[in-house]
Amino acid sequence: MTLVSEDRLVAMALDALEQILALSAEECVSRTRSIAVCLAYLASRDTSERWPFDEFWKWLDCDDKLVRSGNLNRCLNGIYAQLSVRRTNNMMFKYKTPHNSS
């Protein structure tokens, strides 16, 4: 059995959060165990501040889509910073569609 590297697991969890962020532009996102696991795993990676992880969780089901997606984007930027991972345009726009690109 091939083991998945820690870097790959971090990339997979960040990718999942990018997908959640794209979805949040259109609708509230349910707080699921899957999202909680991604956030908990990333927060366990030796980060110094928890606020972006906690705030990402908090803003998932905000009723105002502009407030929700804006705050989730801010939090995701903070998560990338905590992990010392550069958030590229390819990462940010991977899940954007013409319908949710505004």
Protein backbone atom coordinates (compact mmCIF):
# COMPACT_ATOMS: atom_id res chain seq x y z
CA MET A 1 0.00 0.00 0.00
CA THR A 2 1.36 3.42 -0.98
CA LEU A 3 1.21 6.04 1.75
CA VAL A 4 0.06 9.56 0.93
CA SER A 5 2.61 12.22 1.87
CA GLU A 6 1.75 14.91 4.37
CA ASP A 7 2.20 17.57 1.68
CA ARG A 8 -0.32 15.77 -0.52
CA LEU A 9 -2.82 15.48 2.36
CA VAL A 10 -2.50 19.22 3.05
CA ALA A 11 -3.03 19.96 -0.66
CA MET A 12 -6.10 17.69 -0.73
CA ALA A 13 -7.63 19.37 2.35
CA LEU A 14 -6.97 22.85 0.94
CA ASP A 15 -8.51 21.79 -2.35
CA ALA A 16 -11.63 20.63 -0.51
CA LEU A 17 -11.89 24.03 1.21
CA GLU A 18 -11.48 25.78 -2.17
CA GLN A 19 -14.41 23.73 -3.44
CA ILE A 20 -16.48 24.72 -0.39
CA LEU A 21 -15.61 28.38 -0.97
CA ALA A 22 -16.80 28.17 -4.59
CA LEU A 23 -20.04 26.53 -3.48
CA SER A 24 -20.58 29.23 -0.85
CA ALA A 25 -20.89 31.90 -3.55
CA GLU A 26 -24.31 30.44 -4.39
CA GLU A 27 -25.64 28.85 -1.21
CA CYS A 28 -25.17 28.29 2.49
CA VAL A 29 -22.91 25.35 3.17
CA SER A 30 -23.85 22.80 5.80
CA ARG A 31 -21.34 22.21 8.57
CA THR A 32 -20.40 18.62 7.82
CA ARG A 33 -18.02 16.24 9.50
CA SER A 34 -15.94 16.22 6.29
CA ILE A 35 -15.35 19.97 6.49
CA ALA A 36 -14.62 19.69 10.21
CA VAL A 37 -12.01 16.99 9.55
CA CYS A 38 -10.31 19.09 6.85
CA LEU A 39 -10.17 22.12 9.14
CA ALA A 40 -8.99 20.08 12.14
CA TYR A 41 -6.29 18.35 10.11
CA LEU A 42 -4.98 21.62 8.69
CA ALA A 43 -5.13 23.32 12.11
CA SER A 44 -3.05 20.50 13.56
CA ARG A 45 -0.15 21.24 11.18
CA ASP A 46 1.81 23.36 13.68
CA THR A 47 -0.01 26.62 13.07
CA SER A 48 0.31 29.52 15.46
CA GLU A 49 -3.18 30.99 15.10
CA ARG A 50 -6.54 29.19 15.09
CA TRP A 51 -8.77 32.09 14.08
CA PRO A 52 -8.90 31.35 10.32
CA PHE A 53 -9.99 27.75 10.94
CA ASP A 54 -12.59 28.67 13.56
CA GLU A 55 -13.91 31.59 11.49
CA PHE A 56 -14.16 29.47 8.32
CA TRP A 57 -16.41 27.10 10.26
CA LYS A 58 -18.44 30.00 11.66
CA TRP A 59 -19.19 31.65 8.30
CA LEU A 60 -20.29 28.54 6.39
CA ASP A 61 -24.02 29.02 6.90
CA CYS A 62 -24.29 32.82 6.90
CA ASP A 63 -27.47 33.81 5.06
CA ASP A 64 -25.92 36.72 3.12
CA LYS A 65 -23.99 35.21 0.20
CA LEU A 66 -21.67 38.22 -0.24
CA VAL A 67 -20.80 38.33 3.45
CA ARG A 68 -20.45 34.54 3.56
CA SER A 69 -18.21 34.14 0.53
CA GLY A 70 -16.15 37.24 1.39
CA ASN A 71 -15.46 36.04 4.91
CA LEU A 72 -14.75 32.46 3.83
CA ASN A 73 -12.27 33.80 1.27
CA ARG A 74 -10.59 35.93 3.97
CA CYS A 75 -10.40 32.92 6.27
CA LEU A 76 -9.03 30.66 3.55
CA ASN A 77 -6.33 33.23 2.83
CA GLY A 78 -5.50 33.09 6.54
CA ILE A 79 -5.38 29.30 6.48
CA TYR A 80 -2.94 29.33 3.56
CA ALA A 81 -0.81 31.88 5.44
CA GLN A 82 -0.80 29.76 8.60
CA LEU A 83 0.40 26.79 6.57
CA SER A 84 2.99 28.87 4.67
CA VAL A 85 1.42 27.75 1.39
CA ARG A 86 1.10 30.20 -1.49
CA ARG A 87 -2.46 30.44 -2.78
CA THR A 88 -2.20 30.68 -6.55
CA ASN A 89 -4.76 31.88 -9.08
CA ASN A 90 -5.12 28.30 -10.27
CA MET A 91 -6.13 27.27 -6.76
CA MET A 92 -8.52 30.20 -6.32
CA PHE A 93 -10.33 29.76 -9.62
CA LYS A 94 -10.28 25.98 -10.00
CA TYR A 95 -13.93 25.59 -9.00
CA LYS A 96 -15.28 28.89 -10.30
CA THR A 97 -17.89 28.61 -13.00
CA PRO A 98 -19.34 31.40 -15.18
CA HIS A 99 -22.38 31.27 -12.89
CA ASN A 100 -20.44 31.90 -9.64
CA SER A 101 -17.51 33.99 -10.90
CA SER A 102 -18.95 37.36 -9.87
